[in-house]
Amino acid sequence: MGILKEDIGYSAHTKFKNLSIHTQGDNMQVLKTNIVEAVNLGFKDPGYSYTIEEIGLKPDLRSFFG
């Protein structure tokens, strides 16, 4: 999941097959919580919940340091 540092807060996005997931958060902890919620809502795997450790995060370094 790609992570961008915005002027205010952070955003994350990914595409998987025909599924597109986008979320945001005021800080990194809120963003991680929102990522887990968005992924679990998007995939809706019965009886299974993804954790942040199972989701690959890819920070866009240019947005953090550029």
PDB file of N, CA and C in Angstrom:
ATOM      1  N   MET A   1       0.859  -1.160   0.000  1.00  0.00           N
ATOM      2  CA  MET A   1       0.000   0.000   0.000  1.00  0.00           C
ATOM      3  C   MET A   1       0.902   1.217   0.000  1.00  0.00           C
ATOM      4  N   GLY A   2       0.693   2.109  -0.947  1.00  0.00           N
ATOM      5  CA  GLY A   2       1.495   3.328  -1.043  1.00  0.00           C
ATOM      6  C   GLY A   2       1.055   4.369  -0.024  1.00  0.00           C
ATOM      7  N   ILE A   3       2.026   4.990   0.649  1.00  0.00           N
ATOM      8  CA  ILE A   3       1.737   6.003   1.654  1.00  0.00           C
ATOM      9  C   ILE A   3       2.344   7.326   1.220  1.00  0.00           C
ATOM     10  N   LEU A   4       1.542   8.375   1.296  1.00  0.00           N
ATOM     11  CA  LEU A   4       1.986   9.723   0.963  1.00  0.00           C
ATOM     12  C   LEU A   4       1.854  10.630   2.171  1.00  0.00           C
ATOM     13  N   LYS A   5       2.845  11.499   2.370  1.00  0.00           N
ATOM     14  CA  LYS A   5       2.734  12.548   3.378  1.00  0.00           C
ATOM     15  C   LYS A   5       2.099  13.739   2.680  1.00  0.00           C
ATOM     16  N   GLU A   6       0.981  14.178   3.191  1.00  0.00           N
ATOM     17  CA  GLU A   6       0.243  15.294   2.602  1.00  0.00           C
ATOM     18  C   GLU A   6       0.545  16.569   3.381  1.00  0.00           C
ATOM     19  N   ASP A   7       0.033  17.711   2.910  1.00  0.00           N
ATOM     20  CA  ASP A   7       0.204  18.964   3.645  1.00  0.00           C
ATOM     21  C   ASP A   7      -0.341  18.844   5.061  1.00  0.00           C
ATOM     22  N   ILE A   8      -1.466  18.164   5.173  1.00  0.00           N
ATOM     23  CA  ILE A   8      -2.066  17.902   6.484  1.00  0.00           C
ATOM     24  C   ILE A   8      -2.327  16.410   6.572  1.00  0.00           C
ATOM     25  N   GLY A   9      -1.507  15.679   7.327  1.00  0.00           N
ATOM     26  CA  GLY A   9      -1.739  14.262   7.527  1.00  0.00           C
ATOM     27  C   GLY A   9      -1.104  13.374   6.476  1.00  0.00           C
ATOM     28  N   TYR A  10      -1.679  12.177   6.342  1.00  0.00           N
ATOM     29  CA  TYR A  10      -1.142  11.138   5.466  1.00  0.00           C
ATOM     30  C   TYR A  10      -2.277  10.470   4.702  1.00  0.00           C
ATOM     31  N   SER A  11      -1.945   9.920   3.535  1.00  0.00           N
ATOM     32  CA  SER A  11      -2.930   9.156   2.781  1.00  0.00           C
ATOM     33  C   SER A  11      -2.286   7.856   2.312  1.00  0.00           C
ATOM     34  N   ALA A  12      -3.126   6.868   2.021  1.00  0.00           N
ATOM     35  CA  ALA A  12      -2.651   5.572   1.547  1.00  0.00           C
ATOM     36  C   ALA A  12      -3.584   5.083   0.453  1.00  0.00           C
ATOM     37  N   HIS A  13      -2.992   4.366  -0.510  1.00  0.00           N
ATOM     38  CA  HIS A  13      -3.809   3.850  -1.612  1.00  0.00           C
ATOM     39  C   HIS A  13      -3.180   2.592  -2.189  1.00  0.00           C
ATOM     40  N   THR A  14      -4.030   1.752  -2.750  1.00  0.00           N
ATOM     41  CA  THR A  14      -3.564   0.564  -3.449  1.00  0.00           C
ATOM     42  C   THR A  14      -4.646   0.094  -4.413  1.00  0.00           C
ATOM     43  N   LYS A  15      -4.215  -0.676  -5.394  1.00  0.00           N
ATOM     44  CA  LYS A  15      -5.141  -1.333  -6.323  1.00  0.00           C
ATOM     45  C   LYS A  15      -4.784  -2.806  -6.348  1.00  0.00           C
ATOM     46  N   PHE A  16      -5.804  -3.648  -6.309  1.00  0.00           N
ATOM     47  CA  PHE A  16      -5.613  -5.098  -6.405  1.00  0.00           C
ATOM     48  C   PHE A  16      -6.725  -5.631  -7.275  1.00  0.00           C
ATOM     49  N   LYS A  17      -6.359  -6.137  -8.448  1.00  0.00           N
ATOM     50  CA  LYS A  17      -7.334  -6.590  -9.442  1.00  0.00           C
ATOM     51  C   LYS A  17      -8.316  -5.464  -9.710  1.00  0.00           C
ATOM     52  N   ASN A  18      -9.608  -5.637  -9.447  1.00  0.00           N
ATOM     53  CA  ASN A  18     -10.583  -4.578  -9.712  1.00  0.00           C
ATOM     54  C   ASN A  18     -10.935  -3.794  -8.445  1.00  0.00           C
ATOM     55  N   LEU A  19     -10.167  -3.982  -7.366  1.00  0.00           N
ATOM     56  CA  LEU A  19     -10.430  -3.332  -6.087  1.00  0.00           C
ATOM     57  C   LEU A  19      -9.457  -2.169  -5.889  1.00  0.00           C
ATOM     58  N   SER A  20      -9.972  -1.016  -5.524  1.00  0.00           N
ATOM     59  CA  SER A  20      -9.152   0.154  -5.231  1.00  0.00           C
ATOM     60  C   SER A  20      -9.449   0.590  -3.803  1.00  0.00           C
ATOM     61  N   ILE A  21      -8.402   0.704  -2.989  1.00  0.00           N
ATOM     62  CA  ILE A  21      -8.566   1.067  -1.581  1.00  0.00           C
ATOM     63  C   ILE A  21      -7.815   2.366  -1.320  1.00  0.00           C
ATOM     64  N   HIS A  22      -8.505   3.332  -0.711  1.00  0.00           N
ATOM     65  CA  HIS A  22      -7.926   4.630  -0.355  1.00  0.00           C
ATOM     66  C   HIS A  22      -8.361   4.974   1.056  1.00  0.00           C
ATOM     67  N   THR A  23      -7.460   5.587   1.826  1.00  0.00           N
ATOM     68  CA  THR A  23      -7.802   6.043   3.170  1.00  0.00           C
ATOM     69  C   THR A  23      -6.844   7.160   3.561  1.00  0.00           C
ATOM     70  N   GLN A  24      -7.101   7.795   4.698  1.00  0.00           N
ATOM     71  CA  GLN A  24      -6.245   8.884   5.166  1.00  0.00           C
ATOM     72  C   GLN A  24      -6.252   8.905   6.684  1.00  0.00           C
ATOM     73  N   GLY A  25      -5.321   9.676   7.249  1.00  0.00           N
ATOM     74  CA  GLY A  25      -5.254   9.836   8.695  1.00  0.00           C
ATOM     75  C   GLY A  25      -4.472  11.078   9.059  1.00  0.00           C
ATOM     76  N   ASP A  26      -4.791  11.656  10.194  1.00  0.00           N
ATOM     77  CA  ASP A  26      -4.106  12.870  10.644  1.00  0.00           C
ATOM     78  C   ASP A  26      -2.660  12.601  11.036  1.00  0.00           C
ATOM     79  N   ASN A  27      -2.377  11.379  11.504  1.00  0.00           N
ATOM     80  CA  ASN A  27      -1.010  10.997  11.847  1.00  0.00           C
ATOM     81  C   ASN A  27      -0.813   9.540  11.421  1.00  0.00           C
ATOM     82  N   MET A  28       0.421   9.057  11.571  1.00  0.00           N
ATOM     83  CA  MET A  28       0.734   7.713  11.068  1.00  0.00           C
ATOM     84  C   MET A  28      -0.032   6.628  11.819  1.00  0.00           C
ATOM     85  N   GLN A  29      -0.224   6.775  13.123  1.00  0.00           N
ATOM     86  CA  GLN A  29      -0.956   5.752  13.885  1.00  0.00           C
ATOM     87  C   GLN A  29      -2.408   5.664  13.427  1.00  0.00           C
ATOM     88  N   VAL A  30      -3.041   6.801  13.229  1.00  0.00           N
ATOM     89  CA  VAL A  30      -4.430   6.817  12.743  1.00  0.00           C
ATOM     90  C   VAL A  30      -4.479   6.231  11.335  1.00  0.00           C
ATOM     91  N   LEU A  31      -3.502   6.576  10.503  1.00  0.00           N
ATOM     92  CA  LEU A  31      -3.466   6.035   9.142  1.00  0.00           C
ATOM     93  C   LEU A  31      -3.375   4.515   9.168  1.00  0.00           C
ATOM     94  N   LYS A  32      -2.508   3.954  10.007  1.00  0.00           N
ATOM     95  CA  LYS A  32      -2.372   2.491  10.081  1.00  0.00           C
ATOM     96  C   LYS A  32      -3.679   1.841  10.517  1.00  0.00           C
ATOM     97  N   THR A  33      -4.349   2.427  11.484  1.00  0.00           N
ATOM     98  CA  THR A  33      -5.650   1.907  11.924  1.00  0.00           C
ATOM     99  C   THR A  33      -6.644   1.939  10.775  1.00  0.00           C
ATOM    100  N   ASN A  34      -6.664   3.050  10.033  1.00  0.00           N
ATOM    101  CA  ASN A  34      -7.589   3.190   8.911  1.00  0.00           C
ATOM    102  C   ASN A  34      -7.246   2.246   7.765  1.00  0.00           C
ATOM    103  N   ILE A  35      -5.953   1.981   7.552  1.00  0.00           N
ATOM    104  CA  ILE A  35      -5.540   1.036   6.514  1.00  0.00           C
ATOM    105  C   ILE A  35      -6.092  -0.351   6.819  1.00  0.00           C
ATOM    106  N   VAL A  36      -5.918  -0.807   8.054  1.00  0.00           N
ATOM    107  CA  VAL A  36      -6.410  -2.135   8.441  1.00  0.00           C
ATOM    108  C   VAL A  36      -7.921  -2.207   8.254  1.00  0.00           C
ATOM    109  N   GLU A  37      -8.632  -1.184   8.683  1.00  0.00           N
ATOM    110  CA  GLU A  37     -10.089  -1.169   8.525  1.00  0.00           C
ATOM    111  C   GLU A  37     -10.487  -1.197   7.056  1.00  0.00           C
ATOM    112  N   ALA A  38      -9.822  -0.391   6.223  1.00  0.00           N
ATOM    113  CA  ALA A  38     -10.165  -0.326   4.797  1.00  0.00           C
ATOM    114  C   ALA A  38      -9.876  -1.653   4.096  1.00  0.00           C
ATOM    115  N   VAL A  39      -8.736  -2.275   4.399  1.00  0.00           N
ATOM    116  CA  VAL A  39      -8.394  -3.558   3.775  1.00  0.00           C
ATOM    117  C   VAL A  39      -9.405  -4.626   4.175  1.00  0.00           C
ATOM    118  N   ASN A  40      -9.749  -4.686   5.448  1.00  0.00           N
ATOM    119  CA  ASN A  40     -10.725  -5.689   5.892  1.00  0.00           C
ATOM    120  C   ASN A  40     -12.106  -5.440   5.305  1.00  0.00           C
ATOM    121  N   LEU A  41     -12.496  -4.197   5.133  1.00  0.00           N
ATOM    122  CA  LEU A  41     -13.786  -3.903   4.485  1.00  0.00           C
ATOM    123  C   LEU A  41     -13.741  -4.249   2.998  1.00  0.00           C
ATOM    124  N   GLY A  42     -12.602  -3.989   2.367  1.00  0.00           N
ATOM    125  CA  GLY A  42     -12.474  -4.243   0.936  1.00  0.00           C
ATOM    126  C   GLY A  42     -12.468  -5.713   0.578  1.00  0.00           C
ATOM    127  N   PHE A  43     -11.785  -6.531   1.366  1.00  0.00           N
ATOM    128  CA  PHE A  43     -11.674  -7.949   1.037  1.00  0.00           C
ATOM    129  C   PHE A  43     -12.769  -8.802   1.648  1.00  0.00           C
ATOM    130  N   LYS A  44     -13.307  -8.414   2.773  1.00  0.00           N
ATOM    131  CA  LYS A  44     -14.436  -9.117   3.402  1.00  0.00           C
ATOM    132  C   LYS A  44     -14.237 -10.632   3.433  1.00  0.00           C
ATOM    133  N   ASP A  45     -13.073 -11.086   3.909  1.00  0.00           N
ATOM    134  CA  ASP A  45     -12.819 -12.516   4.044  1.00  0.00           C
ATOM    135  C   ASP A  45     -13.536 -13.039   5.287  1.00  0.00           C
ATOM    136  N   PRO A  46     -14.523 -13.907   5.120  1.00  0.00           N
ATOM    137  CA  PRO A  46     -15.271 -14.417   6.276  1.00  0.00           C
ATOM    138  C   PRO A  46     -14.353 -15.096   7.296  1.00  0.00           C
ATOM    139  N   GLY A  47     -14.462 -14.688   8.548  1.00  0.00           N
ATOM    140  CA  GLY A  47     -13.710 -15.314   9.612  1.00  0.00           C
ATOM    141  C   GLY A  47     -12.244 -14.935   9.672  1.00  0.00           C
ATOM    142  N   TYR A  48     -11.796 -13.972   8.850  1.00  0.00           N
ATOM    143  CA  TYR A  48     -10.390 -13.584   8.853  1.00  0.00           C
ATOM    144  C   TYR A  48     -10.273 -12.071   8.864  1.00  0.00           C
ATOM    145  N   SER A  49      -9.350 -11.551   9.669  1.00  0.00           N
ATOM    146  CA  SER A  49      -9.069 -10.116   9.701  1.00  0.00           C
ATOM    147  C   SER A  49      -7.579  -9.903   9.480  1.00  0.00           C
ATOM    148  N   TYR A  50      -7.246  -9.041   8.540  1.00  0.00           N
ATOM    149  CA  TYR A  50      -5.852  -8.703   8.279  1.00  0.00           C
ATOM    150  C   TYR A  50      -5.323  -7.811   9.393  1.00  0.00           C
ATOM    151  N   THR A  51      -4.013  -7.889   9.638  1.00  0.00           N
ATOM    152  CA  THR A  51      -3.345  -7.013  10.596  1.00  0.00           C
ATOM    153  C   THR A  51      -2.381  -6.109   9.833  1.00  0.00           C
ATOM    154  N   ILE A  52      -1.923  -5.044  10.475  1.00  0.00           N
ATOM    155  CA  ILE A  52      -1.009  -4.116   9.807  1.00  0.00           C
ATOM    156  C   ILE A  52       0.292  -4.815   9.419  1.00  0.00           C
ATOM    157  N   GLU A  53       0.697  -5.838  10.168  1.00  0.00           N
ATOM    158  CA  GLU A  53       1.918  -6.575   9.840  1.00  0.00           C
ATOM    159  C   GLU A  53       1.796  -7.377   8.546  1.00  0.00           C
ATOM    160  N   GLU A  54       0.592  -7.702   8.141  1.00  0.00           N
ATOM    161  CA  GLU A  54       0.371  -8.475   6.911  1.00  0.00           C
ATOM    162  C   GLU A  54       0.211  -7.596   5.676  1.00  0.00           C
ATOM    163  N   ILE A  55       0.148  -6.308   5.874  1.00  0.00           N
ATOM    164  CA  ILE A  55      -0.085  -5.374   4.776  1.00  0.00           C
ATOM    165  C   ILE A  55       1.231  -4.672   4.460  1.00  0.00           C
ATOM    166  N   GLY A  56       1.695  -4.814   3.230  1.00  0.00           N
ATOM    167  CA  GLY A  56       2.941  -4.176   2.822  1.00  0.00           C
ATOM    168  C   GLY A  56       2.756  -2.674   2.660  1.00  0.00           C
ATOM    169  N   LEU A  57       3.541  -1.893   3.401  1.00  0.00           N
ATOM    170  CA  LEU A  57       3.472  -0.437   3.326  1.00  0.00           C
ATOM    171  C   LEU A  57       4.685   0.080   2.561  1.00  0.00           C
ATOM    172  N   LYS A  58       4.434   0.974   1.591  1.00  0.00           N
ATOM    173  CA  LYS A  58       5.508   1.537   0.772  1.00  0.00           C
ATOM    174  C   LYS A  58       5.426   3.062   0.832  1.00  0.00           C
ATOM    175  N   PRO A  59       6.226   3.693   1.712  1.00  0.00           N
ATOM    176  CA  PRO A  59       6.197   5.152   1.787  1.00  0.00           C
ATOM    177  C   PRO A  59       6.767   5.772   0.509  1.00  0.00           C
ATOM    178  N   ASP A  60       6.121   6.813   0.040  1.00  0.00           N
ATOM    179  CA  ASP A  60       6.629   7.595  -1.078  1.00  0.00           C
ATOM    180  C   ASP A  60       7.647   8.580  -0.490  1.00  0.00           C
ATOM    181  N   LEU A  61       8.924   8.220  -0.550  1.00  0.00           N
ATOM    182  CA  LEU A  61       9.962   8.998   0.123  1.00  0.00           C
ATOM    183  C   LEU A  61      10.038  10.447  -0.353  1.00  0.00           C
ATOM    184  N   ARG A  62       9.707  10.685  -1.607  1.00  0.00           N
ATOM    185  CA  ARG A  62       9.715  12.053  -2.124  1.00  0.00           C
ATOM    186  C   ARG A  62       8.723  12.932  -1.358  1.00  0.00           C
ATOM    187  N   SER A  63       7.547  12.370  -1.025  1.00  0.00           N
ATOM    188  CA  SER A  63       6.555  13.166  -0.311  1.00  0.00           C
ATOM    189  C   SER A  63       6.958  13.391   1.152  1.00  0.00           C
ATOM    190  N   PHE A  64       7.808  12.513   1.693  1.00  0.00           N
ATOM    191  CA  PHE A  64       8.273  12.670   3.068  1.00  0.00           C
ATOM    192  C   PHE A  64       9.461  13.638   3.156  1.00  0.00           C
ATOM    193  N   PHE A  65      10.337  13.604   2.146  1.00  0.00           N
ATOM    194  CA  PHE A  65      11.581  14.372   2.224  1.00  0.00           C
ATOM    195  C   PHE A  65      11.755  15.381   1.102  1.00  0.00           C
ATOM    196  N   GLY A  66      10.836  15.404   0.143  1.00  0.00           N
ATOM    197  CA  GLY A  66      11.007  16.258  -1.034  1.00  0.00           C
ATOM    198  C   GLY A  66      10.523  17.602  -0.827  1.00  0.00           C
TER     199      GLY A  66
END
